[in-house]
């Protein structure tokens, strides 16, 4: 039943809480999304990835699920969901839901029953262990939460500890239990029977833990990864889930692939393995960080080397293309340096650089109008990770200053400020008080202003780019070859397929750059660019991006 429609799709990610509020409570909702379906259609995308909308107490903004078969009260009802899904499908837009299956909320009925006693049927749905030490009051091992601190929480009811690789309100499910695996397959089938077209699988690489849960190697930040990232039964579990659910539908699955390198990717996404269709590879997002946390200077050759590596995945594997999502800061500034008054040029250049590659592009809400990072005070950070970082940093000399510097560039909150629809009060996002602070930039950066910006409309450029990309076999199927991979200023590459060739040239700097053009692409017709008069061989202007069709 697989048509692999995702190979010719552009996916738009919606973070519901921050997208559009229809009822004035300050929180985005499903009816808000319904009101913007024509906007999404106009953008030219043909799929939407929706961050979690399930019932949740919102310790981690919906990634702590208390009921997989119901809608969060703040977001609406199942009737609203059905209307939204129909509205998408009527417009030719597929819907990808977020599958959070490594953990649940501690308020999920399964966990409520699991913690009630040691001998109830749900005890083995989660990972419980006795503590170490004389009174069992020390954690069972030295694993740390991805949000900081121990990955174990002591529970007085039964005197044992439960594992949580994220917040203590997100206990890890025990995938060793066949009943848990069946529950997850049934949940997937429930939503796909409704017409949902696939899933983005949250931290899916963590589902298998090494037997015995041994101590991890010393790591001052994250300890234990080697015992649960792509654990011993990961492939067995995913293949089983694919067989019992995903393979029965014309679905698309993309895994959040923490720990999966380029070298490991084929064993996870090759079509012959019947596991995930694609993954989000994060290696390119780590090229400007130490230990995946501490920012350092962006260097283009390091970045393009990783992108080029992933462009050469073996046959049978498919790539994803992204720079932003709900867990990443905004890309402007991060990958472009100081763009000054060249925000349009910088934003559209990044779009060309990524979307002309082979793979499925993902555009995060607000990216299509060039939204930027926000300046937060300590108390403005709402994300559970940021709050935990500050709590831990406060116990270390100069810790808060270091945390402040890191979060200013890397906090997940940057991506979660409300969508900027207009310069009106509350950015046109809500008539009430927004659930989190608005980025003050909404006065000048908003959908209404951008769509009225004529030749400088980032939205209009994205629309043009998507129209050029979708259905273009050279982009979908063509070979990829980078030009001058060591260049510190320019990312350039060739796409070729069945006698047709495209040359893509992108200047990542806010300055004029001379870029030597190989003889093979010295003549070509401009088919897409963020400067109207681009010519092969002329000096590249600040953030100039151009795509040329090269004749034989």
Protein backbone atom coordinates (compact mmCIF):
# COMPACT_ATOMS: atom_id res chain seq x y z
CA UNK A 1 0.00 0.00 0.00
CA UNK A 2 3.03 2.27 0.26
CA UNK A 3 3.07 5.00 -2.42
CA UNK A 4 5.91 6.82 -0.62
CA UNK A 5 4.13 10.10 -1.23
CA UNK A 6 6.49 11.76 1.25
CA UNK A 7 9.28 11.72 -1.32
CA UNK A 8 7.52 14.56 -3.14
CA UNK A 9 6.20 16.40 -0.09
CA UNK A 10 7.03 19.58 1.79
CA UNK A 11 5.95 19.34 5.44
CA UNK A 12 4.87 22.29 7.58
CA UNK A 13 5.24 21.80 11.33
CA UNK A 14 2.61 23.32 13.60
CA UNK A 15 3.20 23.77 17.34
CA UNK A 16 -0.51 24.03 18.26
CA UNK A 17 -0.12 25.92 21.54
CA UNK A 18 1.58 28.79 19.73
CA UNK A 19 -0.03 28.78 16.28
CA UNK A 20 -3.46 30.44 16.49
CA UNK A 21 -5.95 30.91 19.33
CA UNK A 22 -9.63 30.89 18.35
CA UNK A 23 -11.32 31.43 21.72
CA UNK A 24 -9.28 34.10 23.50
CA UNK A 25 -7.82 31.96 26.28
CA UNK A 26 -4.27 32.74 25.10
CA UNK A 27 -3.56 29.20 23.96
CA UNK A 28 -3.52 28.03 20.34
CA UNK A 29 -6.09 25.39 19.45
CA UNK A 30 -7.52 23.19 16.71
CA UNK A 31 -10.12 25.72 15.59
CA UNK A 32 -7.29 28.21 15.27
CA UNK A 33 -5.54 25.79 12.92
CA UNK A 34 -8.78 25.29 10.98
CA UNK A 35 -8.99 29.05 10.47
CA UNK A 36 -5.51 29.02 8.89
CA UNK A 37 -5.85 26.04 6.56
CA UNK A 38 -6.10 28.30 3.50
CA UNK A 39 -2.91 30.04 4.62
CA UNK A 40 -1.13 26.68 4.85
CA UNK A 41 -2.49 25.68 1.43
CA UNK A 42 -1.35 29.01 -0.04
CA UNK A 43 2.18 28.38 1.25
CA UNK A 44 2.31 25.45 -1.15
CA UNK A 45 3.05 22.66 1.31
CA UNK A 46 1.27 19.32 1.01
CA UNK A 47 1.68 17.88 4.51
CA UNK A 48 1.48 19.06 8.12
CA UNK A 49 3.28 17.66 11.16
CA UNK A 50 1.26 18.46 14.25
CA UNK A 51 3.04 18.48 17.60
CA UNK A 52 1.08 16.59 20.32
CA UNK A 53 -2.58 17.45 20.80
CA UNK A 54 -3.45 14.54 23.11
CA UNK A 55 -4.77 14.88 26.64
CA UNK A 56 -1.90 16.05 28.84
CA UNK A 57 -1.15 17.92 32.09
CA UNK A 58 1.46 19.85 30.08
CA UNK A 59 4.57 19.38 32.15
CA UNK A 60 6.43 19.21 28.81
CA UNK A 61 3.92 21.00 26.59
CA UNK A 62 2.02 17.91 25.50
CA UNK A 63 4.93 15.48 25.30
CA UNK A 64 3.63 14.02 28.58
CA UNK A 65 0.47 12.23 27.49
CA UNK A 66 -2.27 11.16 29.88
CA UNK A 67 -4.67 9.81 27.22
CA UNK A 68 -3.58 8.88 23.68
CA UNK A 69 -7.14 8.66 22.37
CA UNK A 70 -8.46 12.05 23.44
CA UNK A 71 -7.77 15.71 22.68
CA UNK A 72 -6.27 18.16 25.16
CA UNK A 73 -9.07 20.27 26.64
CA UNK A 74 -7.29 23.53 25.78
CA UNK A 75 -7.03 22.48 22.13
CA UNK A 76 -10.65 21.45 21.53
CA UNK A 77 -12.62 18.27 20.93
CA UNK A 78 -12.44 15.18 18.76
CA UNK A 79 -15.11 16.78 16.58
CA UNK A 80 -12.75 19.72 16.04
CA UNK A 81 -9.99 17.26 15.14
CA UNK A 82 -12.20 15.47 12.62
CA UNK A 83 -13.12 18.79 11.01
CA UNK A 84 -9.47 19.86 10.87
CA UNK A 85 -8.39 16.55 9.31
CA UNK A 86 -11.13 16.74 6.68
CA UNK A 87 -10.19 20.35 5.95
CA UNK A 88 -6.60 19.33 5.37
CA UNK A 89 -7.47 16.39 3.16
CA UNK A 90 -9.94 18.50 1.15
CA UNK A 91 -6.99 20.81 0.38
CA UNK A 92 -4.65 17.98 -0.57
CA UNK A 93 -2.69 18.20 2.68
CA UNK A 94 -1.59 15.07 4.56
CA UNK A 95 -1.50 15.00 8.37
CA UNK A 96 1.40 13.59 10.39
CA UNK A 97 0.75 13.21 14.13
CA UNK A 98 3.35 13.13 16.89
CA UNK A 99 3.77 9.66 18.41
CA UNK A 100 5.25 9.88 21.92
CA UNK A 101 5.87 6.26 22.82
CA UNK A 102 9.04 6.19 24.94
CA UNK A 103 7.15 7.58 27.94
CA UNK A 104 3.75 8.76 29.15
CA UNK A 105 2.60 11.29 31.72
CA UNK A 106 2.67 10.14 35.34
CA UNK A 107 -1.04 11.02 35.23
CA UNK A 108 -1.77 8.40 32.57
CA UNK A 109 -4.08 5.69 33.88
CA UNK A 110 -1.41 3.07 33.17
CA UNK A 111 1.08 4.77 35.49
CA UNK A 112 -1.48 5.59 38.15
CA UNK A 113 -2.21 1.86 38.35
CA UNK A 114 1.46 0.92 37.96
CA UNK A 115 2.57 2.86 41.02
CA UNK A 116 -0.35 1.67 43.18
CA UNK A 117 1.23 -1.67 44.08
CA UNK A 118 3.99 -4.07 43.07
CA UNK A 119 1.64 -6.85 42.02
CA UNK A 120 -0.91 -5.08 39.80
CA UNK A 121 -1.14 -5.89 36.04
CA UNK A 122 0.22 -2.47 35.05
CA UNK A 123 3.35 -2.58 37.22
CA UNK A 124 5.39 -3.96 34.33
CA UNK A 125 4.20 -1.24 31.92
CA UNK A 126 7.00 0.92 33.35
CA UNK A 127 10.57 0.41 34.57
CA UNK A 128 10.73 0.00 38.35
CA UNK A 129 13.81 -0.91 40.37
CA UNK A 130 14.92 -1.13 43.97
CA UNK A 131 17.38 1.56 45.03
CA UNK A 132 20.99 1.14 46.06
CA UNK A 133 22.44 1.70 49.48
CA UNK A 134 21.45 0.48 52.91
CA UNK A 135 17.89 1.80 52.76
CA UNK A 136 17.48 1.70 48.99
CA UNK A 137 17.40 5.50 48.90
CA UNK A 138 20.06 5.87 46.20
CA UNK A 139 19.06 5.69 42.51
CA UNK A 140 19.44 2.24 40.88
CA UNK A 141 22.15 3.51 38.52
CA UNK A 142 23.91 6.74 37.45
CA UNK A 143 21.83 7.52 34.37
CA UNK A 144 20.86 11.17 33.98
CA UNK A 145 17.72 12.77 32.61
CA UNK A 146 18.01 14.64 29.31
CA UNK A 147 16.62 17.59 31.27
CA UNK A 148 19.32 17.33 33.96
CA UNK A 149 19.63 15.48 37.25
CA UNK A 150 19.03 11.79 37.92
CA UNK A 151 16.88 9.75 35.54
CA UNK A 152 15.27 8.06 38.54
CA UNK A 153 12.50 9.16 40.89
CA UNK A 154 11.76 7.53 44.24
CA UNK A 155 8.13 6.66 44.88
CA UNK A 156 7.01 6.35 48.51
CA UNK A 157 3.97 4.22 47.71
CA UNK A 158 5.99 1.07 46.99
CA UNK A 159 9.47 2.16 48.06
CA UNK A 160 10.95 1.74 44.58
CA UNK A 161 12.32 3.98 41.85
CA UNK A 162 10.95 4.51 38.34
CA UNK A 163 12.98 5.50 35.29
CA UNK A 164 12.34 8.80 33.50
CA UNK A 165 14.81 9.82 30.81
CA UNK A 166 13.07 13.21 30.68
CA UNK A 167 10.95 14.98 33.32
CA UNK A 168 10.02 13.08 36.48
CA UNK A 169 6.44 13.46 35.22
CA UNK A 170 7.38 11.45 32.11
CA UNK A 171 8.00 7.85 33.25
CA UNK A 172 9.54 5.58 30.61
CA UNK A 173 7.43 2.76 29.24
CA UNK A 174 8.78 -0.79 29.46
CA UNK A 175 8.92 -1.98 25.86
CA UNK A 176 10.11 -5.38 27.06
CA UNK A 177 6.46 -5.98 27.95
CA UNK A 178 4.52 -7.30 24.89
CA UNK A 179 1.36 -5.69 26.26
CA UNK A 180 2.99 -2.24 25.99
CA UNK A 181 4.04 -2.86 22.40
CA UNK A 182 0.50 -3.97 21.53
CA UNK A 183 -0.91 -0.83 23.18
CA UNK A 184 1.32 1.39 21.01
CA UNK A 185 0.35 -0.43 17.80
CA UNK A 186 -3.33 -0.12 18.73
CA UNK A 187 -2.90 3.62 19.33
CA UNK A 188 -1.30 4.07 15.90
CA UNK A 189 -4.11 2.09 14.25
CA UNK A 190 -6.74 4.15 16.10
CA UNK A 191 -5.47 7.37 14.54
CA UNK A 192 -4.69 6.01 11.09
CA UNK A 193 -8.15 4.45 10.91
CA UNK A 194 -9.38 8.03 11.35
CA UNK A 195 -7.36 9.01 8.28
CA UNK A 196 -4.09 10.25 9.78
CA UNK A 197 -1.28 9.77 7.26
CA UNK A 198 1.70 9.02 9.49
CA UNK A 199 3.72 9.76 12.58
CA UNK A 200 6.76 11.66 13.73
CA UNK A 201 8.13 9.35 16.42
CA UNK A 202 9.43 11.23 19.45
CA UNK A 203 12.77 10.03 20.94
CA UNK A 204 12.04 6.66 19.38
CA UNK A 205 15.68 5.57 19.63
CA UNK A 206 15.39 5.34 23.44
CA UNK A 207 12.75 2.62 23.67
CA UNK A 208 15.10 -0.34 24.24
CA UNK A 209 17.20 -0.38 27.41
CA UNK A 210 20.13 -2.71 28.01
CA UNK A 211 19.33 -5.67 30.23
CA UNK A 212 20.36 -5.10 33.81
CA UNK A 213 20.41 -1.30 33.36
CA UNK A 214 24.18 -1.00 34.05
CA UNK A 215 25.89 2.25 35.07
CA UNK A 216 26.92 4.54 32.25
CA UNK A 217 30.39 5.84 31.53
CA UNK A 218 31.18 9.08 33.33
CA UNK A 219 29.75 12.12 31.57
CA UNK A 220 29.24 15.42 33.42
CA UNK A 221 26.13 16.27 31.39
CA UNK A 222 24.42 13.15 30.01
CA UNK A 223 25.20 9.74 31.43
CA UNK A 224 23.99 6.33 30.31
CA UNK A 225 23.35 6.93 26.60
CA UNK A 226 25.32 3.88 25.53
CA UNK A 227 22.79 1.68 27.36
CA UNK A 228 19.56 3.02 25.84
CA UNK A 229 20.27 4.82 22.55
CA UNK A 230 19.54 2.25 19.83
CA UNK A 231 19.35 -0.40 22.54
CA UNK A 232 19.66 -4.14 21.92
CA UNK A 233 16.04 -4.75 20.85
CA UNK A 234 15.36 -1.43 19.13
CA UNK A 235 15.18 -2.90 15.60
CA UNK A 236 13.04 -5.82 16.75
CA UNK A 237 10.53 -3.45 18.37
CA UNK A 238 10.31 -1.06 15.43
CA UNK A 239 9.97 -3.83 12.87
CA UNK A 240 7.17 -5.33 14.96
CA UNK A 241 5.38 -1.96 15.19
CA UNK A 242 5.73 -1.48 11.45
CA UNK A 243 4.29 -4.94 10.81
CA UNK A 244 1.37 -4.54 13.22
CA UNK A 245 0.46 -0.98 12.26
CA UNK A 246 2.31 1.31 9.86
CA UNK A 247 2.68 -1.17 6.97
CA UNK A 248 -1.10 -1.61 6.80
CA UNK A 249 -1.56 1.99 5.65
CA UNK A 250 -0.09 4.36 3.06
CA UNK A 251 1.78 5.95 5.93
CA UNK A 252 4.90 8.00 6.49
CA UNK A 253 7.04 7.64 9.61
CA UNK A 254 9.94 9.86 10.61
CA UNK A 255 11.92 9.18 13.76
CA UNK A 256 13.55 11.67 16.09
CA UNK A 257 16.94 10.03 15.74
CA UNK A 258 19.04 11.07 18.71
CA UNK A 259 22.15 8.91 18.54
CA UNK A 260 21.77 7.83 14.90
CA UNK A 261 24.79 8.89 12.86
CA UNK A 262 25.09 8.74 9.09
CA UNK A 263 26.88 5.42 9.46
CA UNK A 264 24.03 3.92 11.48
CA UNK A 265 21.21 5.41 9.41
CA UNK A 266 20.91 2.66 6.75
CA UNK A 267 20.19 -0.02 9.35
CA UNK A 268 17.30 2.17 10.59
CA UNK A 269 15.66 3.46 7.40
CA UNK A 270 16.56 1.21 4.47
CA UNK A 271 13.24 0.24 2.92
CA UNK A 272 14.19 -3.45 3.01
CA UNK A 273 14.31 -3.36 6.82
CA UNK A 274 10.63 -2.39 7.11
CA UNK A 275 11.18 -0.08 10.05
CA UNK A 276 11.04 3.74 9.88
CA UNK A 277 10.71 5.52 6.53
CA UNK A 278 13.05 8.37 7.48
CA UNK A 279 14.75 9.96 10.46
CA UNK A 280 15.73 13.45 11.51
CA UNK A 281 19.52 13.38 11.43
CA UNK A 282 20.89 15.90 13.93
CA UNK A 283 24.56 15.84 13.01
CA UNK A 284 24.33 19.09 11.04
CA UNK A 285 22.55 20.74 13.98
CA UNK A 286 25.49 19.86 16.23
CA UNK A 287 28.16 21.49 14.07
CA UNK A 288 27.96 24.75 16.03
CA UNK A 289 27.88 23.14 19.51
CA UNK A 290 30.20 21.41 21.92
CA UNK A 291 28.72 18.29 23.57
CA UNK A 292 25.40 19.16 21.86
CA UNK A 293 24.84 21.95 24.39
CA UNK A 294 27.50 24.69 24.44
CA UNK A 295 27.43 27.08 21.45
CA UNK A 296 30.54 27.74 19.40
CA UNK A 297 31.24 29.57 16.16
CA UNK A 298 29.41 28.43 13.06
CA UNK A 299 31.76 27.36 10.28
CA UNK A 300 30.24 26.64 6.89
CA UNK A 301 32.63 23.83 5.75
CA UNK A 302 31.89 21.81 8.88
CA UNK A 303 28.15 22.27 8.27
CA UNK A 304 28.15 21.44 4.55
CA UNK A 305 30.40 18.43 5.06
CA UNK A 306 27.69 16.84 7.19
CA UNK A 307 24.89 17.78 4.79
CA UNK A 308 26.84 16.35 1.87
CA UNK A 309 27.49 13.13 3.76
CA UNK A 310 23.75 12.65 4.34
CA UNK A 311 23.05 13.40 0.67
CA UNK A 312 24.97 10.24 -0.15
CA UNK A 313 22.79 7.79 1.76
CA UNK A 314 22.65 4.36 0.07
CA UNK A 315 19.89 3.50 -2.34
CA UNK A 316 16.74 2.55 -0.45
CA UNK A 317 17.24 5.26 2.18
CA UNK A 318 15.51 8.64 2.27
CA UNK A 319 16.66 11.89 3.88
CA UNK A 320 14.95 14.76 5.72
CA UNK A 321 15.88 18.43 5.38
CA UNK A 322 15.37 20.91 8.22
CA UNK A 323 16.91 23.82 10.14
CA UNK A 324 14.15 24.58 12.63
CA UNK A 325 11.60 22.79 14.78
CA UNK A 326 10.02 23.10 18.23
CA UNK A 327 13.27 21.92 19.88
CA UNK A 328 15.65 24.21 17.96
CA UNK A 329 16.27 27.97 18.06
CA UNK A 330 15.54 30.02 14.97
CA UNK A 331 17.93 29.58 12.03
CA UNK A 332 18.41 33.27 11.18
CA UNK A 333 21.56 34.43 12.93
CA UNK A 334 22.50 30.90 13.92
CA UNK A 335 23.58 29.87 10.42
CA UNK A 336 23.96 33.28 8.80
CA UNK A 337 25.77 35.46 11.31
CA UNK A 338 24.67 39.08 11.60
CA UNK A 339 22.33 39.67 8.67
CA UNK A 340 21.63 43.35 9.45
CA UNK A 341 19.08 44.70 6.99
CA UNK A 342 19.34 41.59 4.81
CA UNK A 343 16.80 39.43 6.64
CA UNK A 344 14.88 38.63 3.44
CA UNK A 345 18.03 37.62 1.61
CA UNK A 346 19.36 35.54 4.53
CA UNK A 347 16.06 33.72 5.14
CA UNK A 348 15.46 32.89 1.48
CA UNK A 349 19.07 31.82 0.98
CA UNK A 350 18.74 29.27 3.78
CA UNK A 351 15.52 28.00 2.22
CA UNK A 352 17.20 27.43 -1.15
CA UNK A 353 20.30 25.86 0.39
CA UNK A 354 18.22 23.24 2.20
CA UNK A 355 15.26 22.60 -0.08
CA UNK A 356 17.20 22.02 -3.29
CA UNK A 357 18.81 18.98 -1.71
CA UNK A 358 17.41 15.45 -1.95
CA UNK A 359 14.96 14.55 0.81
CA UNK A 360 11.73 15.70 2.43
CA UNK A 361 11.89 19.34 3.62
CA UNK A 362 10.30 20.41 6.90
CA UNK A 363 9.35 24.07 7.45
CA UNK A 364 8.61 25.17 11.01
CA UNK A 365 5.82 27.69 11.67
CA UNK A 366 7.15 31.23 11.35
CA UNK A 367 10.18 30.16 9.36
CA UNK A 368 8.30 31.17 6.22
CA UNK A 369 8.23 34.81 7.40
CA UNK A 370 11.71 34.87 8.92
CA UNK A 371 10.83 34.82 12.62
CA UNK A 372 13.85 35.29 14.90
CA UNK A 373 15.04 34.39 18.40
CA UNK A 374 13.61 36.26 21.38
CA UNK A 375 15.46 38.02 24.22
CA UNK A 376 14.27 36.36 27.43
CA UNK A 377 14.80 37.27 31.06
CA UNK A 378 15.43 34.33 33.37
CA UNK A 379 11.83 34.30 34.51
CA UNK A 380 10.51 34.31 30.93
CA UNK A 381 11.76 30.81 30.16
CA UNK A 382 8.87 28.36 30.45
CA UNK A 383 10.32 25.19 28.97
CA UNK A 384 10.85 22.40 31.49
CA UNK A 385 14.39 21.89 30.19
CA UNK A 386 15.33 25.55 30.68
CA UNK A 387 13.86 25.61 34.18
CA UNK A 388 15.77 22.47 35.11
CA UNK A 389 19.01 23.90 33.69
CA UNK A 390 18.64 27.05 35.81
CA UNK A 391 17.87 25.00 38.92
CA UNK A 392 21.03 22.92 38.50
CA UNK A 393 23.19 25.86 37.39
CA UNK A 394 22.23 27.82 40.51
CA UNK A 395 24.17 25.32 42.61
CA UNK A 396 27.42 25.86 40.67
CA UNK A 397 29.73 28.94 40.87
CA UNK A 398 29.00 31.17 37.86
CA UNK A 399 26.56 28.48 36.74
CA UNK A 400 23.63 30.77 36.10
CA UNK A 401 25.73 33.11 33.96
CA UNK A 402 26.88 30.16 31.85
CA UNK A 403 23.34 28.78 31.59
CA UNK A 404 22.05 32.22 30.62
CA UNK A 405 24.60 32.49 27.80
CA UNK A 406 23.80 29.02 26.48
CA UNK A 407 20.02 29.43 26.66
CA UNK A 408 20.18 32.80 24.91
CA UNK A 409 21.29 30.90 21.82
CA UNK A 410 19.94 27.39 22.32
CA UNK A 411 16.73 27.46 24.40
CA UNK A 412 13.75 25.63 22.98
CA UNK A 413 11.58 28.59 24.04
CA UNK A 414 12.87 30.58 21.04
CA UNK A 415 10.80 28.41 18.70
CA UNK A 416 7.72 28.45 20.90
CA UNK A 417 6.81 32.12 21.09
CA UNK A 418 3.39 32.69 19.49
CA UNK A 419 3.06 32.89 15.72
CA UNK A 420 3.21 36.49 14.51
CA UNK A 421 0.19 37.07 12.28
CA UNK A 422 0.03 40.88 12.38
CA UNK A 423 1.28 44.00 14.15
CA UNK A 424 -2.02 44.22 16.03
CA UNK A 425 -2.29 43.60 19.76
CA UNK A 426 -0.87 40.19 20.71
CA UNK A 427 0.43 39.75 17.17
CA UNK A 428 -3.02 38.64 15.99
CA UNK A 429 -2.39 35.33 17.78
CA UNK A 430 -5.06 35.80 20.47
CA UNK A 431 -7.54 38.30 21.85
CA UNK A 432 -6.55 37.22 25.38
CA UNK A 433 -3.27 37.04 27.27
CA UNK A 434 -0.77 34.82 25.40
CA UNK A 435 0.35 31.71 27.29
CA UNK A 436 3.96 32.82 26.87
CA UNK A 437 5.58 36.09 25.96
CA UNK A 438 5.43 37.40 22.43
CA UNK A 439 8.63 38.19 20.62
CA UNK A 440 8.67 42.02 20.45
CA UNK A 441 9.75 41.66 16.82
CA UNK A 442 6.11 41.00 15.88
CA UNK A 443 5.65 44.73 15.30
CA UNK A 444 7.72 44.45 12.13
CA UNK A 445 7.98 40.69 11.50
CA UNK A 446 4.53 39.26 10.89
CA UNK A 447 2.52 37.50 8.20
CA UNK A 448 0.53 40.56 7.21
CA UNK A 449 3.61 42.77 6.80
CA UNK A 450 5.55 40.08 4.99
CA UNK A 451 2.82 39.32 2.47
CA UNK A 452 2.65 43.06 1.72
CA UNK A 453 6.42 43.34 1.26
CA UNK A 454 6.35 42.82 -2.52
CA UNK A 455 9.71 41.59 -3.83
CA UNK A 456 10.94 41.23 -0.25
CA UNK A 457 8.22 38.82 0.89
CA UNK A 458 9.81 35.73 2.44
CA UNK A 459 6.42 33.98 2.35
CA UNK A 460 6.07 34.62 -1.38
CA UNK A 461 9.56 33.23 -1.98
CA UNK A 462 8.80 30.06 0.00
CA UNK A 463 5.60 29.69 -2.02
CA UNK A 464 7.57 29.99 -5.26
CA UNK A 465 10.23 27.58 -3.99
CA UNK A 466 7.65 24.94 -3.07
CA UNK A 467 5.95 25.25 -6.46
CA UNK A 468 9.34 24.79 -8.15
CA UNK A 469 10.31 21.84 -5.95
CA UNK A 470 7.19 19.67 -5.79
CA UNK A 471 6.96 17.46 -8.87
CA UNK A 472 10.51 18.30 -10.01
CA UNK A 473 12.24 14.98 -10.68
CA UNK A 474 15.72 16.51 -10.68
CA UNK A 475 15.24 17.61 -7.06
CA UNK A 476 13.38 14.47 -6.03
CA UNK A 477 15.57 11.87 -7.72
CA UNK A 478 18.74 13.57 -8.95
CA UNK A 479 22.32 12.87 -8.00
CA UNK A 480 24.07 15.33 -5.69
CA UNK A 481 27.63 16.62 -5.95
CA UNK A 482 29.10 19.48 -3.92
CA UNK A 483 31.31 22.13 -5.50
CA UNK A 484 34.33 23.29 -3.46
CA UNK A 485 33.38 21.69 -0.15
CA UNK A 486 36.07 23.61 1.73
CA UNK A 487 34.69 27.03 0.82
CA UNK A 488 34.14 29.17 3.93
CA UNK A 489 31.53 31.43 2.37
CA UNK A 490 29.57 29.55 -0.29
CA UNK A 491 27.56 26.33 -0.33
CA UNK A 492 27.23 25.15 -3.93
CA UNK A 493 26.18 21.85 -5.44
CA UNK A 494 24.97 20.14 -8.60
CA UNK A 495 21.77 18.11 -9.00
CA UNK A 496 21.52 15.91 -12.10
CA UNK A 497 18.88 13.52 -13.40
CA UNK A 498 18.16 12.02 -16.82
CA UNK A 499 20.12 14.63 -18.74
CA UNK A 500 18.85 17.60 -16.73
CA UNK A 501 21.17 19.55 -14.42
CA UNK A 502 20.62 22.21 -11.79
CA UNK A 503 23.41 24.23 -10.18
CA UNK A 504 22.65 25.64 -6.72
CA UNK A 505 24.85 28.47 -5.39
CA UNK A 506 24.29 30.04 -1.95
CA UNK A 507 26.36 32.77 -0.31
CA UNK A 508 26.18 32.38 3.50
CA UNK A 509 27.86 35.71 4.20
CA UNK A 510 26.60 39.30 4.53
CA UNK A 511 29.20 40.52 2.06
CA UNK A 512 30.12 40.27 -1.60
CA UNK A 513 31.97 37.06 -2.36
CA UNK A 514 33.86 35.90 -5.44
CA UNK A 515 33.15 32.26 -6.21
CA UNK A 516 35.04 30.48 -9.01
CA UNK A 517 32.59 28.61 -11.22
CA UNK A 518 33.62 25.25 -12.74
CA UNK A 519 33.61 25.22 -16.53
CA UNK A 520 30.86 22.60 -16.61
CA UNK A 521 28.38 25.06 -15.07
CA UNK A 522 29.72 28.28 -16.53
CA UNK A 523 26.59 28.78 -18.60
CA UNK A 524 23.06 28.42 -17.36
CA UNK A 525 19.60 29.89 -17.16
CA UNK A 526 18.40 31.37 -13.85
CA UNK A 527 15.27 29.47 -12.75
CA UNK A 528 15.06 30.52 -9.11
CA UNK A 529 16.81 33.09 -6.97
CA UNK A 530 16.45 35.77 -4.31
CA UNK A 531 18.00 38.40 -6.60
CA UNK A 532 16.21 38.85 -9.92
CA UNK A 533 19.33 39.54 -11.99
CA UNK A 534 21.68 36.77 -10.82
CA UNK A 535 24.23 35.63 -13.40
CA UNK A 536 26.67 32.74 -13.23
CA UNK A 537 30.20 34.01 -12.74
CA UNK A 538 29.42 37.42 -11.29
CA UNK A 539 30.42 38.16 -7.67
CA UNK A 540 27.81 36.90 -5.24
CA UNK A 541 25.97 39.62 -3.34
CA UNK A 542 25.13 39.31 0.38
CA UNK A 543 23.21 36.07 0.97
CA UNK A 544 22.61 35.63 -2.73
CA UNK A 545 21.01 32.30 -3.64
CA UNK A 546 20.53 31.18 -7.22
CA UNK A 547 19.46 28.02 -9.01
CA UNK A 548 20.55 27.64 -12.62
CA UNK A 549 19.38 25.16 -15.22
CA UNK A 550 22.44 23.98 -17.10
CA UNK A 551 22.16 22.98 -20.74
CA UNK A 552 23.94 19.99 -22.22
